[in-house]
Protein backbone atom coordinates (compact mmCIF):
# COMPACT_ATOMS: atom_id res chain seq x y z
CA MET A 1 -55.28 -9.34 61.35
CA LYS A 2 -58.36 -11.49 61.13
CA GLN A 3 -58.95 -15.19 60.77
CA ALA A 4 -58.81 -16.43 57.19
CA THR A 5 -62.16 -17.40 55.65
CA VAL A 6 -60.86 -17.82 52.10
CA ASN A 7 -57.60 -19.55 51.30
CA PRO A 8 -55.44 -16.82 49.69
CA PHE A 9 -53.00 -19.44 48.44
CA ALA A 10 -55.53 -20.87 45.99
CA ASN A 11 -54.61 -18.01 43.63
CA PRO A 12 -52.37 -19.43 40.84
CA THR A 13 -50.65 -16.07 40.33
CA LEU A 14 -49.69 -15.88 43.99
CA ALA A 15 -48.47 -19.48 43.92
CA SER A 16 -46.28 -18.97 40.86
CA GLY A 17 -44.47 -16.00 42.40
CA TYR A 18 -44.33 -17.22 45.99
CA GLU A 19 -40.76 -18.58 45.96
CA SER A 20 -39.29 -15.36 44.59
CA TRP A 21 -39.64 -13.74 48.03
CA TYR A 22 -37.09 -16.17 49.49
CA GLN A 23 -34.57 -15.14 46.84
CA SER A 24 -35.01 -11.39 47.35
CA THR A 25 -36.28 -9.47 50.37
CA GLY A 26 -36.89 -12.67 52.34
CA ARG A 27 -33.36 -14.03 52.06
CA ARG A 28 -32.30 -12.95 55.58
CA ALA A 29 -35.56 -14.15 57.15
CA ASP A 30 -35.24 -17.51 55.44
CA ARG A 31 -31.70 -17.98 56.73
CA LEU A 32 -32.59 -17.06 60.31
CA GLU A 33 -35.77 -19.12 60.38
CA LYS A 34 -33.96 -22.22 59.13
CA ALA A 35 -31.19 -21.70 61.68
CA LEU A 36 -33.76 -21.74 64.48
CA LEU A 37 -35.65 -24.70 63.02
CA GLY A 38 -32.38 -26.61 62.79
CA ARG A 39 -31.75 -25.96 66.47
CA LEU A 40 -35.20 -27.32 67.30
CA LEU A 41 -34.71 -30.43 65.18
CA ALA A 42 -31.86 -31.34 67.53
CA CYS A 43 -34.56 -32.11 70.12
CA PHE A 44 -35.42 -35.17 68.01
CA PRO A 45 -32.15 -36.98 67.23
CA GLN A 46 -33.96 -40.25 66.38
CA ALA A 47 -36.47 -38.74 63.93
CA GLY A 48 -36.48 -40.14 60.42
CA THR A 49 -39.81 -39.10 58.89
CA LEU A 50 -41.62 -35.77 58.78
CA LEU A 51 -44.93 -34.46 57.50
CA GLU A 52 -45.11 -30.75 56.73
CA VAL A 53 -48.71 -29.55 56.97
CA GLY A 54 -49.36 -26.44 54.90
CA CYS A 55 -46.26 -27.08 52.82
CA GLY A 56 -47.21 -24.60 50.09
CA THR A 57 -44.55 -24.62 47.37
CA GLY A 58 -42.47 -27.12 49.32
CA HIS A 59 -39.85 -24.58 50.36
CA PHE A 60 -39.39 -25.99 53.86
CA SER A 61 -40.21 -29.56 52.84
CA ARG A 62 -37.15 -29.46 50.58
CA TRP A 63 -35.07 -28.07 53.44
CA PHE A 64 -36.27 -30.77 55.85
CA GLY A 65 -35.24 -33.32 53.24
CA ASP A 66 -31.81 -31.71 53.08
CA GLN A 67 -31.52 -32.26 56.85
CA GLY A 68 -31.75 -36.01 56.31
CA LEU A 69 -35.45 -36.46 57.00
CA GLN A 70 -37.81 -38.40 54.76
CA ALA A 71 -40.25 -35.55 54.23
CA ILE A 72 -43.78 -35.46 52.85
CA GLY A 73 -45.80 -32.30 52.29
CA LEU A 74 -49.53 -31.65 52.53
CA ASP A 75 -51.46 -28.60 51.40
CA LEU A 76 -55.02 -27.71 50.46
CA SER A 77 -54.03 -25.50 47.52
CA LEU A 78 -53.60 -27.24 44.17
CA PRO A 79 -51.71 -24.28 42.62
CA MET A 80 -49.19 -24.35 45.47
CA LEU A 81 -48.80 -28.11 45.15
CA ALA A 82 -48.24 -27.77 41.41
CA GLU A 83 -45.48 -25.28 42.10
CA ALA A 84 -43.98 -27.61 44.71
CA ALA A 85 -43.83 -30.40 42.14
CA ARG A 86 -42.27 -28.09 39.55
CA LEU A 87 -39.54 -27.16 42.02
CA GLY A 88 -38.64 -30.77 42.74
CA SER A 89 -40.05 -30.96 46.26
CA PRO A 90 -40.50 -34.23 48.16
CA PRO A 91 -43.85 -35.99 47.59
CA CYS A 92 -46.73 -33.63 48.38
CA VAL A 93 -50.42 -34.51 48.65
CA GLN A 94 -53.60 -32.48 48.77
CA GLY A 95 -55.35 -32.57 52.11
CA ASP A 96 -57.04 -30.60 54.85
CA ALA A 97 -55.07 -29.79 57.99
CA LEU A 98 -58.26 -30.15 60.01
CA ALA A 99 -58.79 -33.77 58.88
CA LEU A 100 -55.45 -35.31 57.95
CA PRO A 101 -55.72 -38.39 55.70
CA PHE A 102 -53.24 -40.43 57.76
CA CYS A 103 -53.35 -43.02 60.52
CA GLY A 104 -52.32 -42.13 64.05
CA ARG A 105 -48.64 -41.78 64.96
CA VAL A 106 -47.45 -42.58 61.43
CA PHE A 107 -44.79 -39.81 61.23
CA ASP A 108 -41.93 -39.20 63.65
CA LEU A 109 -42.42 -35.44 63.34
CA VAL A 110 -45.02 -33.05 62.00
CA ALA A 111 -44.18 -29.45 61.10
CA LEU A 112 -46.30 -26.37 60.48
CA ILE A 113 -44.22 -23.46 59.24
CA THR A 114 -46.15 -20.18 58.81
CA ALA A 115 -49.27 -22.28 58.28
CA LEU A 116 -51.17 -22.15 61.58
CA GLU A 117 -51.81 -18.44 60.99
CA PHE A 118 -54.13 -19.28 58.08
CA LEU A 119 -56.11 -22.20 59.53
CA PRO A 120 -59.69 -21.55 60.65
CA ASN A 121 -59.47 -23.72 63.77
CA PRO A 122 -55.92 -23.85 65.19
CA VAL A 123 -56.77 -26.16 68.10
CA GLN A 124 -58.38 -28.69 65.78
CA ALA A 125 -55.38 -28.48 63.44
CA LEU A 126 -52.93 -29.00 66.31
CA THR A 127 -55.02 -31.91 67.60
CA GLU A 128 -54.79 -33.52 64.17
CA VAL A 129 -51.05 -33.04 63.75
CA LEU A 130 -50.40 -34.35 67.25
CA ARG A 131 -52.55 -37.37 66.42
CA VAL A 132 -50.31 -38.41 63.53
CA ALA A 133 -46.97 -37.57 65.25
CA ARG A 134 -44.94 -40.12 67.21
CA GLN A 135 -42.08 -38.04 68.57
CA GLY A 136 -43.15 -34.44 68.30
CA LEU A 137 -44.09 -31.27 66.54
CA ILE A 138 -42.09 -28.41 65.03
CA LEU A 139 -43.88 -25.05 64.78
CA GLY A 140 -42.80 -21.89 63.01
CA VAL A 141 -45.29 -19.09 63.66
CA LEU A 142 -45.19 -15.33 63.18
CA ASN A 143 -45.33 -13.42 66.45
CA ARG A 144 -48.18 -11.00 67.00
CA HIS A 145 -46.21 -9.22 69.76
CA SER A 146 -43.30 -8.17 67.56
CA LEU A 147 -42.33 -5.34 65.27
CA LEU A 148 -42.71 -7.71 62.31
CA GLY A 149 -46.20 -8.74 63.44
CA TRP A 150 -47.21 -5.10 63.72
CA GLN A 151 -45.77 -4.33 60.27
CA LEU A 152 -47.57 -7.24 58.63
CA GLY A 153 -50.83 -6.22 60.29
CA ARG A 154 -50.42 -2.73 58.86
CA GLU A 155 -49.54 -4.14 55.43
CA GLY A 156 -52.65 -6.30 55.13
CA GLY A 157 -53.30 -7.43 51.57
CA ALA A 158 -54.31 -10.78 50.16
CA ILE A 159 -52.11 -12.77 52.57
CA TRP A 160 -51.52 -10.80 55.76
CA GLY A 161 -54.94 -9.22 55.75
CA VAL A 162 -56.43 -12.61 56.59
CA ALA A 163 -53.67 -14.04 58.80
CA ARG A 164 -53.94 -14.53 62.55
CA CYS A 165 -50.59 -14.43 64.31
CA PHE A 166 -49.93 -15.64 67.85
CA THR A 167 -47.69 -14.87 70.80
CA PRO A 168 -45.44 -17.54 72.34
CA ALA A 169 -47.74 -17.76 75.38
CA GLU A 170 -50.80 -18.19 73.18
CA LEU A 171 -49.04 -20.87 71.17
CA VAL A 172 -48.07 -22.81 74.31
CA HIS A 173 -51.68 -22.63 75.49
CA LEU A 174 -53.02 -23.91 72.15
CA VAL A 175 -50.56 -26.80 72.12
CA GLN A 176 -51.41 -27.77 75.68
CA ARG A 177 -55.13 -27.78 74.87
CA ALA A 178 -54.58 -29.91 71.79
CA ALA A 179 -52.11 -32.33 73.41
CA ALA A 180 -54.37 -33.09 76.38
CA GLY A 181 -51.41 -33.90 78.60
CA ARG A 182 -49.44 -35.94 76.07
CA GLN A 183 -46.57 -33.49 75.59
CA THR A 184 -43.54 -33.86 77.84
CA GLN A 185 -41.58 -30.73 76.93
CA ILE A 186 -42.07 -27.49 75.01
CA VAL A 187 -39.02 -25.56 73.85
CA TRP A 188 -39.28 -22.22 72.06
CA ARG A 189 -37.18 -19.28 70.98
CA THR A 190 -37.76 -16.31 68.68
CA THR A 191 -35.78 -14.84 65.81
CA LEU A 192 -36.17 -12.09 63.18
CA TRP A 193 -35.14 -9.40 65.62
CA PRO A 194 -34.66 -5.97 63.99
CA VAL A 195 -30.92 -5.90 64.84
CA TRP A 196 -29.86 -9.11 66.61
CA PRO A 197 -28.82 -11.69 63.97
CA GLY A 198 -29.84 -14.78 65.89
CA GLU A 199 -32.44 -16.21 68.25
CA LEU A 200 -33.29 -15.45 71.87
CA PRO A 201 -35.51 -17.01 74.56
CA LEU A 202 -37.54 -13.80 74.65
CA PRO A 203 -41.14 -13.35 73.44
CA TRP A 204 -40.75 -10.41 71.04
CA GLY A 205 -38.86 -11.73 68.01
CA GLY A 206 -40.81 -11.79 64.78
CA PHE A 207 -40.72 -15.57 64.24
CA ILE A 208 -41.50 -18.13 66.95
CA GLY A 209 -39.83 -21.51 66.65
CA MET A 210 -41.26 -24.20 68.92
CA ALA A 211 -40.51 -27.88 69.49
CA VAL A 212 -43.12 -30.03 71.23
CA VAL A 213 -41.65 -33.30 72.52
CA LEU A 214 -44.29 -35.99 72.92
CA SER A 215 -44.56 -38.90 75.30
């Protein structure tokens, strides 16, 4: 997989059909990813507000709202934002993950769920999201060192042909660079194992869930 130079999600046809994956072949993945994200949210019992960067059609923004958080979404793609509005998502705004249009530490939490893989400068993006977060960061990233990562790399196409996945160790390193010593704890697990229907503290599951607790 290579770094994205063109945003594949700017395609209106892709945006209009994006949610159908969660209702078909992606149903199991969606359930397992949300189970892991819910576990990570428990690291922030006092959180009340959340910004999802790269919210797309608002799929996870709606779920974060269902968990009792006051969620806001942000995405660069107008077609994806239009679909998010059609689906009744929380408020979503257009914006660039590399230059967030918000003051510092204005949200309790910031989340990036399968979004970092498509950003041209992940360290800059993480620096920005950490700037606007008070309590911490929730990451959901596809794992390069997994069977799923290998399969997606082979598949290529408009989306996965331009994605750049990471390993848990690489993700920890990126967060530490961006946080510049501000983080106090990093917790991660992986899910989307070929057989095991849960999450493990091992670095080979297809989906990495990570909580970054800030000082």
